[in-house]
Amino acid sequence: MSKTAIVIDDDYDTVDTFSELLEEQQITVVGKGYNGKDAIDLFSKHSPDVVFVDIMMPDGTGFHAIRNIKKINDKAKIIAITADLKPSTNEKLMDLKVHGLVYKPLDIEKIVYLVNN
């Protein structure tokens, strides 16, 4: 059975392209969102196997979304996506206990590994 995912990024093209890449890897995208509120709403609605969320977005950052998703399910598998290479960002994500971190540009092989492990 394929894994399910939601993809959250404020860039519409990134969401569509990334979703297509996941589908090619037999990861079913059950929801697409463009801000932190979408992330929380889609997680509540679909309970996906994995959440891909960009960190810096309008209408609530990815950090806010991660915190709220973890309140809903503290075992949620969240993979953060960012172009931000600052050590402080990495530390915040580790404090939030994300499952993985992927830097832009996206590495699909690493993403598939994180989903499956």
N, C-alpha and C. Protein backbone atom coordinates (compact mmCIF):
# COMPACT_ATOMS: atom_id res chain seq x y z
N MET A 1 0.84 -1.19 0.00
CA MET A 1 0.00 0.00 0.00
C MET A 1 0.88 1.24 0.00
N SER A 2 0.53 2.21 -0.80
CA SER A 2 1.38 3.39 -0.90
C SER A 2 1.18 4.30 0.31
N LYS A 3 2.21 5.07 0.59
CA LYS A 3 2.16 6.05 1.67
C LYS A 3 1.36 7.25 1.18
N THR A 4 0.77 7.98 2.15
CA THR A 4 0.04 9.20 1.81
C THR A 4 0.80 10.40 2.35
N ALA A 5 0.63 11.53 1.68
CA ALA A 5 1.35 12.74 2.08
C ALA A 5 0.52 13.97 1.80
N ILE A 6 0.84 15.04 2.54
CA ILE A 6 0.38 16.37 2.17
C ILE A 6 1.63 17.20 1.90
N VAL A 7 1.50 18.14 0.98
CA VAL A 7 2.61 18.98 0.57
C VAL A 7 2.21 20.43 0.79
N ILE A 8 3.04 21.15 1.56
CA ILE A 8 2.74 22.53 1.91
C ILE A 8 3.92 23.42 1.55
N ASP A 9 3.67 24.42 0.70
CA ASP A 9 4.69 25.41 0.33
C ASP A 9 3.94 26.61 -0.21
N ASP A 10 4.45 27.81 0.01
CA ASP A 10 3.74 28.99 -0.47
C ASP A 10 3.90 29.21 -1.97
N ASP A 11 4.77 28.46 -2.62
CA ASP A 11 4.95 28.56 -4.06
C ASP A 11 4.12 27.47 -4.75
N TYR A 12 3.13 27.89 -5.51
CA TYR A 12 2.20 26.94 -6.15
C TYR A 12 2.92 25.98 -7.09
N ASP A 13 3.88 26.50 -7.86
CA ASP A 13 4.61 25.64 -8.79
C ASP A 13 5.42 24.58 -8.05
N THR A 14 6.03 24.96 -6.93
CA THR A 14 6.79 24.00 -6.13
C THR A 14 5.88 22.90 -5.63
N VAL A 15 4.71 23.26 -5.13
CA VAL A 15 3.76 22.26 -4.63
C VAL A 15 3.38 21.29 -5.74
N ASP A 16 3.05 21.81 -6.91
CA ASP A 16 2.63 20.95 -8.02
C ASP A 16 3.76 20.04 -8.50
N THR A 17 4.94 20.61 -8.69
CA THR A 17 6.08 19.82 -9.16
C THR A 17 6.48 18.76 -8.15
N PHE A 18 6.55 19.15 -6.89
CA PHE A 18 6.93 18.22 -5.83
C PHE A 18 5.89 17.11 -5.70
N SER A 19 4.63 17.46 -5.80
CA SER A 19 3.56 16.46 -5.72
C SER A 19 3.68 15.44 -6.86
N GLU A 20 3.98 15.92 -8.06
CA GLU A 20 4.17 15.01 -9.19
C GLU A 20 5.34 14.07 -8.95
N LEU A 21 6.44 14.59 -8.41
CA LEU A 21 7.60 13.74 -8.11
C LEU A 21 7.25 12.66 -7.09
N LEU A 22 6.49 13.04 -6.07
CA LEU A 22 6.08 12.06 -5.06
C LEU A 22 5.19 10.99 -5.67
N GLU A 23 4.24 11.40 -6.49
CA GLU A 23 3.33 10.44 -7.14
C GLU A 23 4.12 9.45 -8.01
N GLU A 24 5.16 9.94 -8.68
CA GLU A 24 6.01 9.05 -9.49
C GLU A 24 6.71 8.00 -8.63
N GLN A 25 6.89 8.32 -7.34
CA GLN A 25 7.54 7.40 -6.40
C GLN A 25 6.51 6.59 -5.60
N GLN A 26 5.27 6.54 -6.08
CA GLN A 26 4.18 5.81 -5.45
C GLN A 26 3.85 6.34 -4.05
N ILE A 27 4.00 7.63 -3.86
CA ILE A 27 3.57 8.31 -2.63
C ILE A 27 2.35 9.13 -3.03
N THR A 28 1.19 8.79 -2.47
CA THR A 28 -0.07 9.43 -2.85
C THR A 28 -0.24 10.76 -2.12
N VAL A 29 -0.34 11.83 -2.88
CA VAL A 29 -0.54 13.16 -2.30
C VAL A 29 -2.04 13.36 -2.11
N VAL A 30 -2.46 13.41 -0.83
CA VAL A 30 -3.89 13.54 -0.51
C VAL A 30 -4.30 14.98 -0.25
N GLY A 31 -3.32 15.89 -0.19
CA GLY A 31 -3.64 17.29 0.03
C GLY A 31 -2.49 18.19 -0.33
N LYS A 32 -2.85 19.37 -0.86
CA LYS A 32 -1.85 20.39 -1.20
C LYS A 32 -2.26 21.68 -0.51
N GLY A 33 -1.30 22.34 0.11
CA GLY A 33 -1.59 23.59 0.79
C GLY A 33 -0.50 24.61 0.55
N TYR A 34 -0.81 25.86 0.92
CA TYR A 34 0.07 26.96 0.56
C TYR A 34 0.42 27.87 1.73
N ASN A 35 0.03 27.47 2.95
CA ASN A 35 0.37 28.25 4.14
C ASN A 35 0.23 27.37 5.38
N GLY A 36 0.61 27.92 6.52
CA GLY A 36 0.57 27.15 7.76
C GLY A 36 -0.82 26.68 8.13
N LYS A 37 -1.82 27.52 7.91
CA LYS A 37 -3.20 27.14 8.23
C LYS A 37 -3.64 25.95 7.38
N ASP A 38 -3.30 25.98 6.09
CA ASP A 38 -3.61 24.84 5.21
C ASP A 38 -2.98 23.56 5.76
N ALA A 39 -1.74 23.65 6.22
CA ALA A 39 -1.04 22.47 6.74
C ALA A 39 -1.81 21.84 7.88
N ILE A 40 -2.23 22.66 8.82
CA ILE A 40 -2.95 22.16 10.00
C ILE A 40 -4.30 21.57 9.58
N ASP A 41 -5.03 22.30 8.73
CA ASP A 41 -6.35 21.83 8.28
C ASP A 41 -6.25 20.52 7.50
N LEU A 42 -5.29 20.43 6.58
CA LEU A 42 -5.13 19.22 5.78
C LEU A 42 -4.68 18.04 6.62
N PHE A 43 -3.82 18.29 7.60
CA PHE A 43 -3.39 17.20 8.48
C PHE A 43 -4.59 16.68 9.27
N SER A 44 -5.38 17.59 9.81
CA SER A 44 -6.56 17.18 10.58
C SER A 44 -7.55 16.39 9.73
N LYS A 45 -7.71 16.79 8.49
CA LYS A 45 -8.68 16.15 7.59
C LYS A 45 -8.21 14.78 7.09
N HIS A 46 -6.93 14.66 6.73
CA HIS A 46 -6.44 13.47 6.04
C HIS A 46 -5.59 12.52 6.87
N SER A 47 -5.02 12.98 7.99
CA SER A 47 -4.09 12.15 8.78
C SER A 47 -3.10 11.40 7.89
N PRO A 48 -2.32 12.13 7.09
CA PRO A 48 -1.40 11.46 6.16
C PRO A 48 -0.26 10.76 6.88
N ASP A 49 0.39 9.86 6.14
CA ASP A 49 1.57 9.18 6.69
C ASP A 49 2.72 10.15 6.89
N VAL A 50 2.81 11.15 6.04
CA VAL A 50 3.91 12.11 6.11
C VAL A 50 3.44 13.50 5.68
N VAL A 51 4.03 14.50 6.32
CA VAL A 51 3.75 15.90 6.01
C VAL A 51 5.04 16.54 5.50
N PHE A 52 4.99 17.12 4.32
CA PHE A 52 6.11 17.90 3.80
C PHE A 52 5.72 19.36 3.95
N VAL A 53 6.51 20.12 4.71
CA VAL A 53 6.13 21.51 4.97
C VAL A 53 7.33 22.43 4.82
N ASP A 54 7.13 23.48 4.03
CA ASP A 54 8.13 24.54 3.90
C ASP A 54 8.14 25.32 5.21
N ILE A 55 9.29 25.84 5.57
CA ILE A 55 9.40 26.52 6.86
C ILE A 55 8.95 27.97 6.80
N MET A 56 9.32 28.70 5.78
CA MET A 56 9.01 30.12 5.71
C MET A 56 7.85 30.37 4.75
N MET A 57 6.68 30.66 5.36
CA MET A 57 5.47 30.90 4.56
C MET A 57 4.65 32.01 5.20
N PRO A 58 3.83 32.70 4.39
CA PRO A 58 2.91 33.68 4.95
C PRO A 58 1.78 32.99 5.72
N ASP A 59 1.02 33.74 6.48
CA ASP A 59 -0.15 33.21 7.18
C ASP A 59 0.22 32.07 8.13
N GLY A 60 1.30 32.26 8.85
CA GLY A 60 1.76 31.24 9.78
C GLY A 60 2.94 30.51 9.19
N THR A 61 4.05 30.54 9.87
CA THR A 61 5.24 29.89 9.34
C THR A 61 5.12 28.38 9.44
N GLY A 62 6.03 27.70 8.80
CA GLY A 62 6.10 26.25 8.91
C GLY A 62 6.33 25.81 10.35
N PHE A 63 7.09 26.60 11.11
CA PHE A 63 7.32 26.26 12.52
C PHE A 63 6.00 26.21 13.28
N HIS A 64 5.14 27.20 13.04
CA HIS A 64 3.83 27.25 13.69
C HIS A 64 3.00 26.03 13.30
N ALA A 65 3.02 25.69 12.03
CA ALA A 65 2.27 24.53 11.55
C ALA A 65 2.78 23.25 12.20
N ILE A 66 4.10 23.10 12.26
CA ILE A 66 4.68 21.89 12.86
C ILE A 66 4.26 21.76 14.32
N ARG A 67 4.36 22.86 15.07
CA ARG A 67 3.96 22.82 16.49
C ARG A 67 2.51 22.38 16.63
N ASN A 68 1.64 22.93 15.80
CA ASN A 68 0.21 22.61 15.91
C ASN A 68 -0.10 21.19 15.44
N ILE A 69 0.57 20.72 14.42
CA ILE A 69 0.38 19.34 13.98
C ILE A 69 0.84 18.39 15.07
N LYS A 70 1.95 18.70 15.72
CA LYS A 70 2.46 17.86 16.81
C LYS A 70 1.48 17.84 17.99
N LYS A 71 0.73 18.92 18.19
CA LYS A 71 -0.29 18.93 19.25
C LYS A 71 -1.43 17.97 18.89
N ILE A 72 -1.74 17.87 17.61
CA ILE A 72 -2.79 16.95 17.16
C ILE A 72 -2.31 15.51 17.26
N ASN A 73 -1.07 15.27 16.82
CA ASN A 73 -0.49 13.92 16.87
C ASN A 73 1.01 14.06 17.06
N ASP A 74 1.47 13.80 18.28
CA ASP A 74 2.89 14.01 18.58
C ASP A 74 3.81 13.03 17.84
N LYS A 75 3.23 12.02 17.21
CA LYS A 75 4.03 11.06 16.44
C LYS A 75 3.97 11.33 14.93
N ALA A 76 3.39 12.45 14.55
CA ALA A 76 3.28 12.79 13.13
C ALA A 76 4.66 12.81 12.48
N LYS A 77 4.74 12.23 11.30
CA LYS A 77 5.99 12.19 10.54
C LYS A 77 6.04 13.45 9.68
N ILE A 78 6.89 14.38 10.09
CA ILE A 78 6.99 15.67 9.40
C ILE A 78 8.38 15.81 8.82
N ILE A 79 8.43 16.15 7.54
CA ILE A 79 9.70 16.43 6.87
C ILE A 79 9.68 17.90 6.48
N ALA A 80 10.59 18.65 7.08
CA ALA A 80 10.67 20.08 6.83
C ALA A 80 11.46 20.33 5.54
N ILE A 81 11.02 21.33 4.80
CA ILE A 81 11.68 21.72 3.56
C ILE A 81 12.09 23.18 3.70
N THR A 82 13.34 23.48 3.36
CA THR A 82 13.79 24.85 3.50
C THR A 82 14.99 25.15 2.62
N ALA A 83 15.17 26.42 2.31
CA ALA A 83 16.38 26.90 1.66
C ALA A 83 17.26 27.60 2.69
N ASP A 84 16.78 27.67 3.93
CA ASP A 84 17.47 28.37 5.02
C ASP A 84 18.53 27.46 5.62
N LEU A 85 19.79 27.83 5.45
CA LEU A 85 20.90 27.01 5.93
C LEU A 85 21.42 27.43 7.30
N LYS A 86 20.76 28.37 7.97
CA LYS A 86 21.25 28.84 9.27
C LYS A 86 21.19 27.72 10.31
N PRO A 87 22.25 27.58 11.11
CA PRO A 87 22.23 26.56 12.18
C PRO A 87 21.05 26.74 13.14
N SER A 88 20.63 27.97 13.38
CA SER A 88 19.51 28.19 14.32
C SER A 88 18.21 27.57 13.79
N THR A 89 18.03 27.59 12.48
CA THR A 89 16.85 26.96 11.89
C THR A 89 16.89 25.46 12.10
N ASN A 90 18.04 24.87 11.86
CA ASN A 90 18.21 23.43 12.06
C ASN A 90 17.95 23.06 13.52
N GLU A 91 18.45 23.86 14.45
CA GLU A 91 18.24 23.61 15.89
C GLU A 91 16.75 23.67 16.25
N LYS A 92 16.04 24.67 15.74
CA LYS A 92 14.60 24.79 16.01
C LYS A 92 13.86 23.55 15.51
N LEU A 93 14.22 23.09 14.33
CA LEU A 93 13.56 21.92 13.76
C LEU A 93 13.84 20.66 14.58
N MET A 94 15.06 20.53 15.06
CA MET A 94 15.39 19.37 15.89
C MET A 94 14.63 19.44 17.22
N ASP A 95 14.50 20.64 17.77
CA ASP A 95 13.72 20.81 19.01
C ASP A 95 12.26 20.40 18.79
N LEU A 96 11.75 20.63 17.59
CA LEU A 96 10.37 20.26 17.27
C LEU A 96 10.24 18.78 16.90
N LYS A 97 11.37 18.09 16.86
CA LYS A 97 11.40 16.65 16.58
C LYS A 97 10.80 16.29 15.22
N VAL A 98 11.22 17.05 14.19
CA VAL A 98 10.80 16.67 12.85
C VAL A 98 11.51 15.38 12.46
N HIS A 99 10.90 14.64 11.57
CA HIS A 99 11.46 13.35 11.14
C HIS A 99 12.67 13.55 10.23
N GLY A 100 12.66 14.63 9.47
CA GLY A 100 13.76 14.88 8.55
C GLY A 100 13.75 16.30 8.06
N LEU A 101 14.86 16.66 7.43
CA LEU A 101 15.03 18.01 6.89
C LEU A 101 15.60 17.87 5.49
N VAL A 102 14.97 18.52 4.53
CA VAL A 102 15.43 18.49 3.15
C VAL A 102 15.63 19.94 2.71
N TYR A 103 16.82 20.19 2.16
CA TYR A 103 17.12 21.53 1.67
C TYR A 103 16.74 21.67 0.21
N LYS A 104 16.30 22.87 -0.14
CA LYS A 104 16.02 23.18 -1.54
C LYS A 104 17.35 23.46 -2.22
N PRO A 105 17.58 23.05 -3.46
CA PRO A 105 16.66 22.30 -4.30
C PRO A 105 16.46 20.88 -3.77
N LEU A 106 15.30 20.32 -4.03
CA LEU A 106 14.89 19.05 -3.44
C LEU A 106 15.64 17.86 -4.02
N ASP A 107 15.97 16.92 -3.14
CA ASP A 107 16.65 15.67 -3.51
C ASP A 107 15.63 14.54 -3.36
N ILE A 108 15.04 14.09 -4.47
CA ILE A 108 13.95 13.12 -4.41
C ILE A 108 14.39 11.80 -3.78
N GLU A 109 15.63 11.37 -4.01
CA GLU A 109 16.09 10.11 -3.41
C GLU A 109 16.12 10.20 -1.89
N LYS A 110 16.58 11.33 -1.36
CA LYS A 110 16.59 11.52 0.09
C LYS A 110 15.16 11.55 0.62
N ILE A 111 14.28 12.20 -0.11
CA ILE A 111 12.89 12.30 0.32
C ILE A 111 12.24 10.92 0.39
N VAL A 112 12.43 10.10 -0.63
CA VAL A 112 11.86 8.75 -0.63
C VAL A 112 12.43 7.94 0.54
N TYR A 113 13.72 8.08 0.80
CA TYR A 113 14.33 7.38 1.93
C TYR A 113 13.67 7.80 3.25
N LEU A 114 13.49 9.10 3.45
CA LEU A 114 12.88 9.59 4.69
C LEU A 114 11.44 9.11 4.85
N VAL A 115 10.70 9.06 3.77
CA VAL A 115 9.31 8.59 3.83
C VAL A 115 9.26 7.13 4.25
N ASN A 116 10.15 6.34 3.71
CA ASN A 116 10.10 4.89 3.94
C ASN A 116 10.84 4.42 5.18
N ASN A 117 11.55 5.28 5.86
CA ASN A 117 12.31 4.87 7.05
C ASN A 117 11.97 5.71 8.25
